């Protein structure tokens, strides 16, 4: 009886292998551009036609390929990046598998023109469907030009899965953008059907690349980040909360210069913005993470977009602490409302360096230590004469002018007018005080002279059962009383005032409507947010003393610029913006 197992022909196996590496034109561009980066190029030009289906051309000024190596470069598992299994544990190049050129050549028409610095002439090498069609000497500049035409021409089923030309071009643009952000010292130029989509200067400045990619307006709303410690270095930029977007499309992460997608880093980033952003808003971020190659595994995904961290908790905690600390240190009052104005229109600020050489700071629940680099970290501060006792310097000098619409406070600063949402401000103050009280051992509570019995439905009662520990931490003492009732014996005291016991009923009803019961109950943070709903309301008149007290308490907050739900507390209008509105400036 003949055997059933066949050894596949080379053409078949190469097409199967190509399917693992080449999904679309963008994946081809990624592999080819990474080779250019590894070749030491300082200028890389990418040209595509029909979204990359018709043509992908990558031109670089890198070191080129020796004539005797060209044919071997198109063999599977042929690479100059590694020579032994041990090299996989200390990879510093973007490419290393030795599959890209062979895979691309198997499903397209490829032409390579290259010359090294020491060679008098260059070489042209062409393949069609993996078969060699041309190999000759030619004159050409130093570097490499590789053309990929008619992608998937011999695998029509794969071609049918590609989307419109414009969509495929957008994917190419996205991957080139990520690579450009990772290499500010390389000039990238991308064109689609002759139209320039991206052009970076290659100046070595990350700011210049961000401006070229996202525009100056986005750059104005970014904060620099640099942290170092525990064998980890993080640098890059994160958005001020009012610069957040409606999706995660502008979150870019690199590990040792390699663009990656990571749930761990994403979670750490977004957790650091907790209470600063509204629902369905996401921060913009560009983070470069450098760490020992021995603690990561990059050989877990064919396209090398995912990596495995050996110490996930340490990486997550360090990233969170780094971002959160920089957010707490920054000043980011929401800008004015005139379209086209930037934060540069705000009054001139004084910059301070914070560079504790050799010292460490501890932040976060896990007590992870890290040291900020001696590189200057700039943030705005007010003059020392304007800082009151307990002031953290985050709120600029201002004096309360009054209240209007029984909802907003109007304050005057130097060359600036501030509008303060009184409810959002009080929510932030209450949130931070309650959080601090709980950390210290529990919020203050007051015994009731007589227990208050509150009747509840079964769903509301179950909600309270699930969150007994959390509610106790913020100052409630209660016990079940009969079938569907609870007896409240003590209530929390916020700002010297005991809260109404009926708040407990409102809280349970609100939670149950959102179906938030779980076997572990709610996070403490969610309970506190809901407790903060008892803050000063809109349409509530405040005395001059109450307004001043609110501002002074806000000065002491760690994050005074947004309520716990992410809404802004302050809006700033500069003299420039006001004069623009009144047509004093045309």
Protein backbone atom coordinates (compact mmCIF):
# COMPACT_ATOMS: atom_id res chain seq x y z
CA UNK A 1 0.00 0.00 0.00
CA UNK A 2 1.58 3.34 -1.03
CA UNK A 3 2.25 5.95 1.65
CA UNK A 4 0.01 8.99 2.09
CA UNK A 5 2.65 11.53 3.07
CA UNK A 6 4.15 13.57 0.24
CA UNK A 7 7.10 15.92 0.23
CA UNK A 8 5.82 19.13 -1.33
CA UNK A 9 7.46 20.59 -4.37
CA UNK A 10 9.60 23.67 -3.80
CA UNK A 11 7.14 25.98 -5.63
CA UNK A 12 4.25 24.81 -3.45
CA UNK A 13 6.13 25.04 -0.15
CA UNK A 14 7.39 28.52 -1.01
CA UNK A 15 3.86 29.77 -1.68
CA UNK A 16 2.71 28.32 1.65
CA UNK A 17 5.64 30.02 3.41
CA UNK A 18 4.84 33.28 1.63
CA UNK A 19 1.34 33.14 3.10
CA UNK A 20 2.83 33.25 6.61
CA UNK A 21 4.92 36.37 5.95
CA UNK A 22 3.10 38.27 3.18
CA UNK A 23 -0.50 39.22 3.93
CA UNK A 24 -0.80 42.40 1.89
CA UNK A 25 1.35 45.14 0.34
CA UNK A 26 1.96 46.69 3.77
CA UNK A 27 3.63 43.49 5.03
CA UNK A 28 5.93 43.53 1.99
CA UNK A 29 6.83 47.17 2.61
CA UNK A 30 7.54 46.41 6.27
CA UNK A 31 9.98 43.60 5.44
CA UNK A 32 11.78 45.55 2.72
CA UNK A 33 12.09 48.78 4.70
CA UNK A 34 13.34 46.90 7.77
CA UNK A 35 16.08 45.43 5.57
CA UNK A 36 17.00 48.97 4.49
CA UNK A 37 17.17 50.09 8.12
CA UNK A 38 19.37 47.10 9.01
CA UNK A 39 21.63 48.01 6.06
CA UNK A 40 22.46 51.34 7.68
CA UNK A 41 20.48 53.55 5.31
CA UNK A 42 19.96 57.21 6.20
CA UNK A 43 17.55 57.90 3.32
CA UNK A 44 14.74 55.53 2.37
CA UNK A 45 12.22 56.19 -0.40
CA UNK A 46 9.10 54.05 -0.77
CA UNK A 47 6.95 54.30 -3.89
CA UNK A 48 3.70 52.39 -4.39
CA UNK A 49 1.13 52.18 -7.15
CA UNK A 50 -2.41 50.81 -6.90
CA UNK A 51 -2.04 50.53 -3.16
CA UNK A 52 1.09 48.41 -3.63
CA UNK A 53 -0.65 45.77 -5.74
CA UNK A 54 0.89 47.06 -8.96
CA UNK A 55 4.27 48.30 -7.69
CA UNK A 56 6.29 48.57 -4.51
CA UNK A 57 9.68 50.21 -4.92
CA UNK A 58 12.06 50.73 -1.99
CA UNK A 59 15.25 52.71 -2.57
CA UNK A 60 17.92 53.20 0.10
CA UNK A 61 21.48 54.44 0.46
CA UNK A 62 22.53 51.56 2.71
CA UNK A 63 25.55 49.32 2.44
CA UNK A 64 24.21 47.30 -0.51
CA UNK A 65 24.64 43.58 -1.19
CA UNK A 66 27.79 41.91 -2.45
CA UNK A 67 27.37 40.35 -5.91
CA UNK A 68 28.17 36.85 -4.66
CA UNK A 69 25.51 37.11 -1.92
CA UNK A 70 22.58 38.25 -4.07
CA UNK A 71 21.30 34.84 -5.17
CA UNK A 72 21.68 33.41 -1.65
CA UNK A 73 19.68 36.34 -0.24
CA UNK A 74 16.57 34.98 -2.02
CA UNK A 75 16.87 31.49 -0.55
CA UNK A 76 14.63 30.56 2.38
CA UNK A 77 16.29 30.85 5.79
CA UNK A 78 19.23 32.72 4.29
CA UNK A 79 20.19 35.72 6.41
CA UNK A 80 23.16 37.87 7.38
CA UNK A 81 21.58 38.75 10.73
CA UNK A 82 22.20 35.52 12.68
CA UNK A 83 24.48 32.51 12.40
CA UNK A 84 23.54 30.34 15.41
CA UNK A 85 20.66 29.61 17.79
CA UNK A 86 22.39 31.66 20.49
CA UNK A 87 22.03 34.79 18.35
CA UNK A 88 18.24 34.63 18.81
CA UNK A 89 18.69 35.66 22.43
CA UNK A 90 20.55 38.88 21.60
CA UNK A 91 18.99 40.17 18.41
CA UNK A 92 19.47 43.87 17.66
CA UNK A 93 18.32 43.92 14.03
CA UNK A 94 14.76 44.30 12.77
CA UNK A 95 14.95 41.40 10.31
CA UNK A 96 16.46 38.02 11.11
CA UNK A 97 14.28 35.15 9.87
CA UNK A 98 15.66 35.05 6.32
CA UNK A 99 12.20 34.44 4.86
CA UNK A 100 11.10 37.84 3.56
CA UNK A 101 12.84 38.03 0.16
CA UNK A 102 12.13 34.39 -0.69
CA UNK A 103 8.48 34.77 0.29
CA UNK A 104 7.98 37.99 -1.66
CA UNK A 105 9.72 36.60 -4.74
CA UNK A 106 7.48 33.50 -4.71
CA UNK A 107 4.29 35.49 -5.31
CA UNK A 108 5.42 38.47 -7.41
CA UNK A 109 7.87 39.78 -9.99
CA UNK A 110 10.96 41.10 -8.23
CA UNK A 111 13.91 43.12 -9.49
CA UNK A 112 16.88 44.03 -7.28
CA UNK A 113 19.55 46.58 -8.20
CA UNK A 114 22.38 47.02 -5.71
CA UNK A 115 25.96 48.21 -5.27
CA UNK A 116 28.26 48.24 -2.26
CA UNK A 117 30.56 51.13 -1.40
CA UNK A 118 33.70 49.22 -2.44
CA UNK A 119 32.30 47.96 -5.75
CA UNK A 120 32.91 49.73 -9.06
CA UNK A 121 29.68 48.47 -10.58
CA UNK A 122 26.39 47.14 -9.34
CA UNK A 123 24.23 44.12 -10.06
CA UNK A 124 20.70 43.59 -11.36
CA UNK A 125 18.92 40.43 -10.26
CA UNK A 126 15.33 39.58 -11.27
CA UNK A 127 12.92 36.77 -10.44
CA UNK A 128 9.40 35.88 -11.47
CA UNK A 129 7.40 33.64 -9.19
CA UNK A 130 10.62 32.58 -7.49
CA UNK A 131 12.41 31.69 -10.74
CA UNK A 132 15.51 33.62 -11.77
CA UNK A 133 15.06 35.59 -15.01
CA UNK A 134 17.99 38.04 -14.99
CA UNK A 135 21.42 38.36 -13.39
CA UNK A 136 23.84 40.92 -14.79
CA UNK A 137 26.26 43.73 -14.03
CA UNK A 138 25.07 47.35 -14.23
CA UNK A 139 25.92 50.87 -13.23
CA UNK A 140 23.99 52.24 -10.25
CA UNK A 141 24.42 54.40 -7.13
CA UNK A 142 25.53 52.92 -3.82
CA UNK A 143 22.72 51.23 -1.94
CA UNK A 144 19.79 49.07 -2.99
CA UNK A 145 16.64 49.49 -5.06
CA UNK A 146 14.13 46.65 -4.97
CA UNK A 147 10.95 46.58 -7.05
CA UNK A 148 8.03 44.26 -6.42
CA UNK A 149 5.46 44.17 -9.23
CA UNK A 150 2.08 42.47 -9.56
CA UNK A 151 1.84 41.13 -6.04
CA UNK A 152 -0.05 37.80 -5.82
CA UNK A 153 -0.23 37.56 -9.63
CA UNK A 154 0.23 33.77 -9.42
CA UNK A 155 -2.08 33.30 -6.40
CA UNK A 156 -5.33 34.96 -7.56
CA UNK A 157 -7.27 33.69 -4.54
CA UNK A 158 -4.96 35.72 -2.26
CA UNK A 159 -5.31 38.74 -4.53
CA UNK A 160 -9.09 38.69 -4.17
CA UNK A 161 -8.76 39.12 -0.40
CA UNK A 162 -7.02 42.48 -0.79
CA UNK A 163 -9.20 45.55 -0.31
CA UNK A 164 -9.44 48.76 -2.32
CA UNK A 165 -6.31 50.53 -3.52
CA UNK A 166 -6.88 53.45 -1.13
CA UNK A 167 -7.34 51.14 1.84
CA UNK A 168 -4.18 49.14 1.07
CA UNK A 169 -2.29 52.42 0.61
CA UNK A 170 -3.46 53.55 4.05
CA UNK A 171 -2.04 50.36 5.59
CA UNK A 172 1.28 51.00 3.86
CA UNK A 173 1.27 54.57 5.11
CA UNK A 174 0.56 53.39 8.65
CA UNK A 175 3.47 50.93 8.74
CA UNK A 176 5.92 53.41 7.19
CA UNK A 177 4.78 56.03 9.70
CA UNK A 178 5.53 53.65 12.59
CA UNK A 179 8.97 52.87 11.20
CA UNK A 180 9.69 56.58 10.69
CA UNK A 181 8.73 57.32 14.30
CA UNK A 182 11.16 54.65 15.49
CA UNK A 183 14.07 56.05 13.47
CA UNK A 184 14.16 59.86 13.63
CA UNK A 185 17.73 59.82 12.26
CA UNK A 186 16.52 58.31 8.95
CA UNK A 187 14.71 60.34 6.30
CA UNK A 188 11.62 58.49 5.01
CA UNK A 189 9.70 59.51 1.90
CA UNK A 190 6.53 57.68 0.86
CA UNK A 191 4.60 58.33 -2.34
CA UNK A 192 1.42 56.72 -3.64
CA UNK A 193 0.74 57.07 -7.37
CA UNK A 194 3.17 59.98 -7.35
CA UNK A 195 1.50 61.79 -4.43
CA UNK A 196 3.63 62.37 -1.32
CA UNK A 197 2.06 60.79 1.78
CA UNK A 198 4.97 61.16 4.20
CA UNK A 199 8.28 62.99 4.26
CA UNK A 200 10.42 63.08 7.40
CA UNK A 201 13.59 65.16 7.76
CA UNK A 202 15.92 62.54 9.27
CA UNK A 203 17.29 65.19 11.64
CA UNK A 204 17.49 62.83 14.61
CA UNK A 205 14.86 64.85 16.51
CA UNK A 206 11.78 62.94 17.58
CA UNK A 207 9.90 66.23 17.79
CA UNK A 208 10.60 66.87 14.10
CA UNK A 209 9.29 63.43 13.16
CA UNK A 210 6.15 63.88 15.26
CA UNK A 211 5.51 67.24 13.61
CA UNK A 212 6.00 65.72 10.14
CA UNK A 213 3.76 62.75 10.86
CA UNK A 214 0.98 64.17 13.05
CA UNK A 215 1.33 67.93 12.57
CA UNK A 216 2.30 70.79 14.88
CA UNK A 217 -1.12 70.96 16.52
CA UNK A 218 -0.77 67.41 17.84
CA UNK A 219 2.81 68.06 18.96
CA UNK A 220 1.64 71.08 20.98
CA UNK A 221 -0.57 68.74 23.01
CA UNK A 222 2.17 66.24 23.84
CA UNK A 223 4.34 65.86 26.96
CA UNK A 224 7.90 64.47 26.82
CA UNK A 225 8.57 61.30 28.82
CA UNK A 226 11.89 59.85 29.93
CA UNK A 227 12.39 57.36 32.76
CA UNK A 228 15.21 55.00 33.59
CA UNK A 229 15.71 52.24 36.15
CA UNK A 230 15.52 48.49 36.81
CA UNK A 231 17.31 47.89 33.52
CA UNK A 232 14.54 49.68 31.58
CA UNK A 233 14.62 53.00 29.72
CA UNK A 234 11.44 54.63 28.44
CA UNK A 235 11.42 57.78 26.37
CA UNK A 236 9.00 59.39 23.98
CA UNK A 237 5.87 61.53 24.13
CA UNK A 238 2.39 61.19 25.59
CA UNK A 239 -0.63 63.40 24.98
CA UNK A 240 -2.08 65.81 27.44
CA UNK A 241 -5.55 64.53 28.37
CA UNK A 242 -7.34 67.09 26.22
CA UNK A 243 -5.30 65.80 23.27
CA UNK A 244 -6.86 62.31 23.49
CA UNK A 245 -8.52 60.69 20.46
CA UNK A 246 -11.56 58.53 19.79
CA UNK A 247 -9.47 55.42 19.02
CA UNK A 248 -6.06 53.85 19.69
CA UNK A 249 -4.74 54.51 16.19
CA UNK A 250 -2.12 56.98 17.44
CA UNK A 251 -0.60 54.72 20.09
CA UNK A 252 2.80 53.51 18.93
CA UNK A 253 5.17 51.32 20.93
CA UNK A 254 8.73 50.25 20.19
CA UNK A 255 10.88 47.77 22.07
CA UNK A 256 14.59 48.10 21.29
CA UNK A 257 13.67 50.01 18.15
CA UNK A 258 11.19 47.40 16.90
CA UNK A 259 7.56 48.40 16.35
CA UNK A 260 5.29 46.07 18.33
CA UNK A 261 1.71 45.62 19.44
CA UNK A 262 1.43 44.85 23.15
CA UNK A 263 -1.61 44.47 25.40
CA UNK A 264 0.67 44.85 28.41
CA UNK A 265 1.95 48.28 27.35
CA UNK A 266 -1.51 49.37 26.20
CA UNK A 267 -3.01 48.45 29.58
CA UNK A 268 -0.27 50.26 31.48
CA UNK A 269 -0.69 53.38 29.33
CA UNK A 270 -4.46 53.59 29.65
CA UNK A 271 -4.43 52.76 33.36
CA UNK A 272 -2.07 55.71 33.87
CA UNK A 273 -4.74 57.97 32.36
CA UNK A 274 -7.46 56.60 34.63
CA UNK A 275 -9.78 59.39 35.88
CA UNK A 276 -8.25 61.79 33.33
CA UNK A 277 -10.15 60.77 30.19
CA UNK A 278 -13.82 60.42 29.38
CA UNK A 279 -15.25 57.08 28.26
CA UNK A 280 -14.14 55.99 24.78
CA UNK A 281 -11.27 58.48 24.68
CA UNK A 282 -7.71 57.19 24.28
CA UNK A 283 -4.33 58.86 24.79
CA UNK A 284 -1.88 59.50 21.98
CA UNK A 285 1.48 57.97 22.79
CA UNK A 286 4.87 57.26 21.28
CA UNK A 287 6.94 55.13 23.65
CA UNK A 288 10.39 53.76 23.00
CA UNK A 289 11.23 51.03 25.52
CA UNK A 290 14.81 49.81 25.77
CA UNK A 291 15.67 46.76 27.84
CA UNK A 292 17.97 43.76 27.88
CA UNK A 293 17.35 41.50 24.88
CA UNK A 294 17.57 38.52 27.26
CA UNK A 295 14.22 39.36 28.90
CA UNK A 296 12.17 39.39 25.69
CA UNK A 297 11.41 36.86 22.99
CA UNK A 298 10.76 38.40 19.56
CA UNK A 299 10.67 35.10 17.68
CA UNK A 300 7.01 34.37 18.42
CA UNK A 301 5.22 35.89 15.42
CA UNK A 302 5.95 35.56 11.66
CA UNK A 303 5.66 39.30 11.06
CA UNK A 304 7.54 40.11 14.31
CA UNK A 305 4.75 42.45 15.48
CA UNK A 306 4.31 40.68 18.83
CA UNK A 307 6.89 39.85 21.45
CA UNK A 308 6.86 38.01 24.76
CA UNK A 309 8.09 39.64 27.97
CA UNK A 310 9.61 37.33 30.54
CA UNK A 311 8.68 39.68 33.42
CA UNK A 312 5.32 41.09 32.40
CA UNK A 313 4.36 42.51 35.81
CA UNK A 314 7.62 44.47 36.09
CA UNK A 315 7.29 45.94 32.61
CA UNK A 316 3.64 46.89 33.16
CA UNK A 317 4.28 48.46 36.57
CA UNK A 318 7.32 50.43 35.43
CA UNK A 319 5.52 51.75 32.34
CA UNK A 320 2.47 52.76 34.40
CA UNK A 321 4.56 54.54 37.04
CA UNK A 322 6.61 56.38 34.45
CA UNK A 323 3.59 57.73 32.56
CA UNK A 324 1.49 58.52 35.64
CA UNK A 325 4.32 60.43 37.31
CA UNK A 326 4.92 62.54 34.22
CA UNK A 327 1.19 63.28 33.99
CA UNK A 328 1.08 64.31 37.64
CA UNK A 329 4.07 66.58 37.12
CA UNK A 330 2.73 68.30 34.00
CA UNK A 331 0.47 71.28 33.67
CA UNK A 332 -2.18 70.84 31.02
CA UNK A 333 -5.12 73.16 31.39
CA UNK A 334 -7.39 72.78 28.37
CA UNK A 335 -6.65 75.43 25.72
CA UNK A 336 -9.03 78.08 24.42
CA UNK A 337 -11.71 77.71 21.80
CA UNK A 338 -10.28 79.66 18.86
CA UNK A 339 -9.53 77.27 16.02
CA UNK A 340 -5.89 77.35 15.02
CA UNK A 341 -4.52 78.76 18.30
CA UNK A 342 -1.92 76.80 20.20
CA UNK A 343 -0.59 76.63 23.72
CA UNK A 344 2.21 78.91 22.51
CA UNK A 345 -0.37 81.69 22.78
CA UNK A 346 -0.48 81.20 26.56
CA UNK A 347 1.60 83.51 28.76
CA UNK A 348 5.32 82.81 28.84
CA UNK A 349 6.19 80.16 31.41
CA UNK A 350 9.23 79.40 33.46
CA UNK A 351 10.85 76.00 32.98
CA UNK A 352 12.38 73.95 35.74
CA UNK A 353 14.80 71.01 35.53
CA UNK A 354 14.15 67.93 37.62
CA UNK A 355 17.21 65.72 37.40
CA UNK A 356 18.03 63.95 40.69
CA UNK A 357 21.24 62.35 39.58
CA UNK A 358 21.61 58.91 41.08
CA UNK A 359 18.48 59.19 43.20
CA UNK A 360 15.38 57.02 43.01
CA UNK A 361 11.71 57.76 43.42
CA UNK A 362 9.12 55.18 44.42
CA UNK A 363 5.61 55.29 43.04
CA UNK A 364 2.64 52.98 42.68
CA UNK A 365 1.21 50.12 44.68
CA UNK A 366 3.96 47.71 43.72
CA UNK A 367 6.71 50.02 44.89
CA UNK A 368 8.73 49.83 41.68
CA UNK A 369 11.72 52.16 41.70
CA UNK A 370 12.98 54.10 38.75
CA UNK A 371 15.22 57.08 38.10
CA UNK A 372 14.43 59.89 35.76
CA UNK A 373 17.26 60.71 33.41
CA UNK A 374 19.32 63.85 33.88
CA UNK A 375 17.95 65.01 30.55
CA UNK A 376 15.76 68.05 31.15
CA UNK A 377 12.05 67.42 31.65
CA UNK A 378 10.18 70.67 31.10
CA UNK A 379 6.93 71.58 32.73
CA UNK A 380 5.17 74.81 33.55
CA UNK A 381 5.15 76.36 36.99
CA UNK A 382 4.02 79.61 38.58
CA UNK A 383 6.33 82.08 40.28
CA UNK A 384 7.19 81.12 43.87
CA UNK A 385 5.58 84.28 45.25
CA UNK A 386 2.21 83.03 44.01
CA UNK A 387 2.38 79.60 45.66
CA UNK A 388 0.32 79.21 48.82
CA UNK A 389 0.99 76.63 51.52
CA UNK A 390 0.39 73.13 50.17
CA UNK A 391 0.34 74.36 46.57
CA UNK A 392 1.94 71.91 44.14
CA UNK A 393 2.57 74.55 41.49
CA UNK A 394 0.26 73.02 38.90
CA UNK A 395 -2.38 75.73 38.90
CA UNK A 396 -1.16 79.12 37.66
CA UNK A 397 -1.78 82.26 39.66
CA UNK A 398 -5.39 83.35 39.48
CA UNK A 399 -7.93 85.18 41.58
CA UNK A 400 -11.64 84.46 41.69
CA UNK A 401 -13.73 87.16 40.04
CA UNK A 402 -17.11 85.56 40.63
CA UNK A 403 -19.64 82.90 39.72
CA UNK A 404 -21.93 82.89 36.70
CA UNK A 405 -24.83 80.71 35.63
CA UNK A 406 -24.59 79.28 39.18
CA UNK A 407 -22.32 76.66 37.64
CA UNK A 408 -18.99 78.19 36.62
CA UNK A 409 -16.35 80.21 38.44
CA UNK A 410 -14.56 83.00 36.62
CA UNK A 411 -10.94 83.64 37.57
CA UNK A 412 -8.39 86.12 36.30
CA UNK A 413 -4.73 85.25 35.76
CA UNK A 414 -1.77 86.92 34.13
CA UNK A 415 -2.81 87.59 30.53
CA UNK A 416 -5.42 84.84 30.84
CA UNK A 417 -9.01 84.20 31.92
CA UNK A 418 -9.96 80.85 33.50
CA UNK A 419 -13.41 79.29 33.60
CA UNK A 420 -13.80 76.60 36.26
CA UNK A 421 -16.56 73.99 36.35
CA UNK A 422 -17.45 73.96 40.06
CA UNK A 423 -18.93 70.44 40.03
CA UNK A 424 -15.96 68.91 38.18
CA UNK A 425 -13.54 70.71 40.51
CA UNK A 426 -15.27 69.47 43.66
CA UNK A 427 -15.50 65.93 42.29
CA UNK A 428 -11.72 65.87 41.75
CA UNK A 429 -11.09 67.17 45.27
CA UNK A 430 -13.44 64.60 46.83
CA UNK A 431 -12.02 61.76 44.74
CA UNK A 432 -8.43 62.41 45.79
CA UNK A 433 -9.30 62.96 49.45
CA UNK A 434 -11.35 59.76 49.63
CA UNK A 435 -8.63 57.80 47.90
CA UNK A 436 -6.03 59.12 50.31
CA UNK A 437 -8.25 58.41 53.34
CA UNK A 438 -8.78 54.83 52.21
CA UNK A 439 -5.05 54.28 51.67
CA UNK A 440 -4.46 55.55 55.20
CA UNK A 441 -6.94 53.06 56.64
CA UNK A 442 -10.44 54.11 55.70
CA UNK A 443 -12.50 57.24 55.28
CA UNK A 444 -13.93 58.98 58.33
CA UNK A 445 -17.47 58.00 59.29
CA UNK A 446 -20.08 59.18 61.78
CA UNK A 447 -22.37 56.97 63.84
CA UNK A 448 -26.08 57.65 63.52
CA UNK A 449 -28.03 58.17 66.71
CA UNK A 450 -30.53 55.61 65.44
CA UNK A 451 -29.93 53.13 62.62
CA UNK A 452 -31.72 54.06 59.41
CA UNK A 453 -33.59 51.17 57.79
CA UNK A 454 -33.72 51.34 53.97
CA UNK A 455 -35.94 49.03 51.92
CA UNK A 456 -34.40 47.69 48.72
CA UNK A 457 -35.21 45.41 45.84
CA UNK A 458 -33.37 42.08 45.52
CA UNK A 459 -31.04 43.34 42.76
CA UNK A 460 -29.98 46.44 44.73
CA UNK A 461 -29.45 44.35 47.85
CA UNK A 462 -27.26 41.89 45.96
CA UNK A 463 -25.21 44.80 44.69
CA UNK A 464 -24.52 45.93 48.24
CA UNK A 465 -23.63 42.39 49.33
CA UNK A 466 -21.09 42.19 46.51
CA UNK A 467 -19.46 45.44 47.59
CA UNK A 468 -19.64 45.37 51.38
CA UNK A 469 -15.87 45.66 51.81
CA UNK A 470 -15.54 48.59 49.41
CA UNK A 471 -18.46 50.49 50.94
CA UNK A 472 -17.07 49.97 54.42
CA UNK A 473 -13.75 51.48 53.30
CA UNK A 474 -15.43 54.75 52.32
CA UNK A 475 -17.23 55.06 55.65
CA UNK A 476 -20.50 53.08 55.62
CA UNK A 477 -21.45 50.72 58.41
CA UNK A 478 -24.49 48.57 57.62
CA UNK A 479 -26.07 45.18 58.11
CA UNK A 480 -28.95 43.29 56.59
CA UNK A 481 -32.26 43.84 58.34
CA UNK A 482 -35.09 41.49 57.46
CA UNK A 483 -35.66 40.13 53.97
CA UNK A 484 -35.09 43.10 51.67
CA UNK A 485 -33.82 45.85 53.96
CA UNK A 486 -30.55 47.10 55.40
CA UNK A 487 -29.85 49.01 58.58
CA UNK A 488 -27.31 51.84 58.14
CA UNK A 489 -25.47 52.54 61.41
CA UNK A 490 -22.78 54.97 60.19
CA UNK A 491 -22.26 57.20 57.15
CA UNK A 492 -19.11 58.71 55.62
CA UNK A 493 -17.99 62.23 56.50
CA UNK A 494 -16.72 64.23 53.53
CA UNK A 495 -15.25 67.67 54.24
CA UNK A 496 -16.63 67.71 57.75
CA UNK A 497 -20.21 66.95 56.65
CA UNK A 498 -21.91 63.59 57.23
CA UNK A 499 -23.48 62.24 54.07
CA UNK A 500 -27.09 61.20 53.73
CA UNK A 501 -27.74 57.50 54.25
CA UNK A 502 -30.09 57.61 51.27
CA UNK A 503 -26.98 57.95 49.13
CA UNK A 504 -26.44 54.23 49.70
CA UNK A 505 -29.78 53.47 48.12
CA UNK A 506 -29.02 55.76 45.17
CA UNK A 507 -25.65 54.10 44.71
CA UNK A 508 -27.09 50.58 44.71
CA UNK A 509 -29.83 51.53 42.27
CA UNK A 510 -27.38 53.19 39.91
CA UNK A 511 -25.01 50.24 39.91
CA UNK A 512 -27.75 47.69 39.39
CA UNK A 513 -29.10 49.56 36.37
CA UNK A 514 -25.72 49.12 34.73
CA UNK A 515 -25.51 45.40 35.55
CA UNK A 516 -22.15 45.79 37.25
CA UNK A 517 -22.50 42.95 39.78
CA UNK A 518 -19.61 40.50 39.82
CA UNK A 519 -18.41 37.88 42.27
CA UNK A 520 -15.52 40.16 43.23
CA UNK A 521 -17.65 43.27 43.51
CA UNK A 522 -16.65 46.63 42.02
CA UNK A 523 -13.24 48.18 42.11
CA UNK A 524 -12.82 50.62 44.97
CA UNK A 525 -12.19 53.32 42.40
CA UNK A 526 -15.67 52.95 40.89
CA UNK A 527 -17.34 53.26 44.30
CA UNK A 528 -15.37 56.45 44.98
CA UNK A 529 -16.32 57.93 41.62
CA UNK A 530 -19.98 57.38 42.40
CA UNK A 531 -19.55 58.82 45.89
CA UNK A 532 -18.16 61.96 44.27
CA UNK A 533 -21.53 62.56 42.66
CA UNK A 534 -22.40 64.17 46.01
CA UNK A 535 -20.07 67.03 45.12
CA UNK A 536 -21.20 70.63 44.63
CA UNK A 537 -23.71 70.65 41.82
CA UNK A 538 -24.29 72.84 38.82
CA UNK A 539 -26.91 75.55 39.45
CA UNK A 540 -25.76 75.83 43.06
CA UNK A 541 -24.89 79.28 44.36
CA UNK A 542 -21.58 79.56 46.20
CA UNK A 543 -20.41 82.28 48.55
CA UNK A 544 -17.15 84.12 47.92
CA UNK A 545 -15.57 82.14 50.76
CA UNK A 546 -16.77 78.82 49.30
CA UNK A 547 -15.38 79.71 45.88
CA UNK A 548 -12.00 80.64 47.34
CA UNK A 549 -11.94 77.47 49.45
CA UNK A 550 -12.67 75.37 46.37
CA UNK A 551 -9.74 76.92 44.50
CA UNK A 552 -7.36 76.49 47.42
CA UNK A 553 -8.27 72.81 47.81
CA UNK A 554 -7.91 72.32 44.07
CA UNK A 555 -4.37 73.72 44.25
CA UNK A 556 -3.39 70.79 46.47
CA UNK A 557 -4.75 68.10 44.13
CA UNK A 558 -2.40 65.81 42.22
CA UNK A 559 -4.50 65.96 39.07
CA UNK A 560 -6.47 69.22 39.31
CA UNK A 561 -7.32 69.52 35.62
CA UNK A 562 -10.08 66.93 35.21
CA UNK A 563 -12.84 65.34 37.23
CA UNK A 564 -12.60 61.58 37.96
CA UNK A 565 -14.68 60.93 34.85
CA UNK A 566 -12.29 62.79 32.56
CA UNK A 567 -14.19 66.05 32.02
CA UNK A 568 -12.06 69.21 32.17
CA UNK A 569 -12.07 71.34 35.31
CA UNK A 570 -10.46 74.42 33.74
CA UNK A 571 -10.75 76.13 30.40
CA UNK A 572 -8.21 78.87 29.64
CA UNK A 573 -8.81 81.85 27.36
CA UNK A 574 -5.75 83.95 26.61
CA UNK A 575 -5.73 87.65 25.89
CA UNK A 576 -4.87 86.76 22.29
CA UNK A 577 -7.97 84.57 21.95
CA UNK A 578 -10.23 87.20 23.49
CA UNK A 579 -8.88 89.94 21.24
CA UNK A 580 -9.33 87.61 18.29
CA UNK A 581 -12.97 87.04 19.19
CA UNK A 582 -13.60 90.78 19.54
CA UNK A 583 -11.82 91.46 16.23
CA UNK A 584 -9.14 93.56 17.93
CA UNK A 585 -6.75 91.24 16.08
CA UNK A 586 -7.56 90.31 12.49
